[in-house]
PDB file of N, CA and C in Angstrom:
ATOM      1  N   UNK A   1      48.798 -82.934 -28.892  1.00  0.00           N
ATOM      2  CA  UNK A   1      47.932 -81.767 -29.093  1.00  0.00           C
ATOM      3  C   UNK A   1      48.440 -81.260 -30.394  1.00  0.00           C
ATOM      4  N   UNK A   2      47.897 -80.225 -30.938  1.00  0.00           N
ATOM      5  CA  UNK A   2      48.319 -79.525 -32.339  1.00  0.00           C
ATOM      6  C   UNK A   2      49.778 -79.078 -32.070  1.00  0.00           C
ATOM      7  N   UNK A   3      49.934 -78.292 -30.783  1.00  0.00           N
ATOM      8  CA  UNK A   3      51.128 -77.531 -30.413  1.00  0.00           C
ATOM      9  C   UNK A   3      52.292 -78.592 -30.438  1.00  0.00           C
ATOM     10  N   UNK A   4      51.920 -79.690 -29.743  1.00  0.00           N
ATOM     11  CA  UNK A   4      53.275 -80.880 -29.886  1.00  0.00           C
ATOM     12  C   UNK A   4      53.597 -80.998 -31.403  1.00  0.00           C
ATOM     13  N   UNK A   5      52.473 -81.479 -32.180  1.00  0.00           N
ATOM     14  CA  UNK A   5      52.469 -81.723 -33.638  1.00  0.00           C
ATOM     15  C   UNK A   5      53.532 -80.931 -34.355  1.00  0.00           C
ATOM     16  N   UNK A   6      52.968 -79.598 -34.165  1.00  0.00           N
ATOM     17  CA  UNK A   6      53.780 -78.301 -35.133  1.00  0.00           C
ATOM     18  C   UNK A   6      55.250 -78.328 -34.278  1.00  0.00           C
ATOM     19  N   UNK A   7      55.578 -78.444 -33.077  1.00  0.00           N
ATOM     20  CA  UNK A   7      56.647 -78.559 -32.696  1.00  0.00           C
ATOM     21  C   UNK A   7      57.523 -79.582 -33.039  1.00  0.00           C
ATOM     22  N   UNK A   8      57.018 -80.946 -33.376  1.00  0.00           N
ATOM     23  CA  UNK A   8      57.924 -81.821 -33.910  1.00  0.00           C
ATOM     24  C   UNK A   8      58.118 -81.830 -35.155  1.00  0.00           C
ATOM     25  N   UNK A   9      57.004 -81.024 -35.996  1.00  0.00           N
ATOM     26  CA  UNK A   9      57.516 -81.144 -37.376  1.00  0.00           C
ATOM     27  C   UNK A   9      58.406 -79.655 -37.668  1.00  0.00           C
ATOM     28  N   UNK A  10      58.260 -78.931 -37.094  1.00  0.00           N
ATOM     29  CA  UNK A  10      59.287 -77.644 -36.943  1.00  0.00           C
ATOM     30  C   UNK A  10      60.586 -78.069 -36.843  1.00  0.00           C
ATOM     31  N   UNK A  11      61.007 -79.222 -35.657  1.00  0.00           N
ATOM     32  CA  UNK A  11      62.226 -79.781 -35.574  1.00  0.00           C
ATOM     33  C   UNK A  11      62.578 -80.694 -36.599  1.00  0.00           C
ATOM     34  N   UNK A  12      61.687 -81.343 -37.111  1.00  0.00           N
ATOM     35  CA  UNK A  12      62.235 -82.224 -38.318  1.00  0.00           C
ATOM     36  C   UNK A  12      62.499 -81.576 -39.401  1.00  0.00           C
ATOM     37  N   UNK A  13      61.900 -80.383 -39.670  1.00  0.00           N
ATOM     38  CA  UNK A  13      62.180 -79.739 -40.818  1.00  0.00           C
ATOM     39  C   UNK A  13      63.693 -79.013 -40.738  1.00  0.00           C
ATOM     40  N   UNK A  14      63.790 -78.432 -39.486  1.00  0.00           N
ATOM     41  CA  UNK A  14      65.043 -78.033 -38.940  1.00  0.00           C
ATOM     42  C   UNK A  14      66.191 -78.740 -39.101  1.00  0.00           C
ATOM     43  N   UNK A  15      66.040 -79.964 -38.871  1.00  0.00           N
ATOM     44  CA  UNK A  15      67.162 -81.064 -38.898  1.00  0.00           C
ATOM     45  C   UNK A  15      67.284 -81.556 -40.302  1.00  0.00           C
ATOM     46  N   UNK A  16      66.359 -81.520 -41.148  1.00  0.00           N
ATOM     47  CA  UNK A  16      66.251 -81.937 -42.588  1.00  0.00           C
ATOM     48  C   UNK A  16      66.987 -80.817 -43.130  1.00  0.00           C
ATOM     49  N   UNK A  17      66.838 -79.584 -42.989  1.00  0.00           N
ATOM     50  CA  UNK A  17      67.512 -78.424 -43.605  1.00  0.00           C
ATOM     51  C   UNK A  17      68.947 -78.482 -43.237  1.00  0.00           C
ATOM     52  N   UNK A  18      69.172 -78.814 -42.093  1.00  0.00           N
ATOM     53  CA  UNK A  18      70.862 -79.016 -41.574  1.00  0.00           C
ATOM     54  C   UNK A  18      71.514 -79.958 -42.415  1.00  0.00           C
ATOM     55  N   UNK A  19      70.694 -81.193 -42.646  1.00  0.00           N
ATOM     56  CA  UNK A  19      71.650 -82.414 -43.271  1.00  0.00           C
ATOM     57  C   UNK A  19      71.563 -82.035 -44.820  1.00  0.00           C
ATOM     58  N   UNK A  20      70.723 -81.269 -45.474  1.00  0.00           N
ATOM     59  CA  UNK A  20      70.546 -80.806 -46.913  1.00  0.00           C
ATOM     60  C   UNK A  20      71.840 -79.708 -46.905  1.00  0.00           C
ATOM     61  N   UNK A  21      71.962 -79.033 -45.728  1.00  0.00           N
ATOM     62  CA  UNK A  21      72.943 -78.118 -46.179  1.00  0.00           C
ATOM     63  C   UNK A  21      74.629 -78.621 -46.159  1.00  0.00           C
ATOM     64  N   UNK A  22      74.628 -79.641 -45.303  1.00  0.00           N
ATOM     65  CA  UNK A  22      75.887 -80.634 -45.166  1.00  0.00           C
ATOM     66  C   UNK A  22      76.049 -81.363 -46.472  1.00  0.00           C
ATOM     67  N   UNK A  23      74.828 -81.464 -47.394  1.00  0.00           N
ATOM     68  CA  UNK A  23      75.183 -82.178 -48.656  1.00  0.00           C
ATOM     69  C   UNK A  23      75.100 -83.878 -48.212  1.00  0.00           C
ATOM     70  N   UNK A  24      74.199 -84.442 -47.301  1.00  0.00           N
ATOM     71  CA  UNK A  24      74.259 -85.467 -46.910  1.00  0.00           C
ATOM     72  C   UNK A  24      72.735 -86.105 -47.484  1.00  0.00           C
TER      73      UNK A  24
END
């Protein structure tokens, strides 16, 4: 459903930001 999609997208973005913050 849409909620699942948005949740997955949220966590994906959060992980991407963490990786970017570490400079990887």
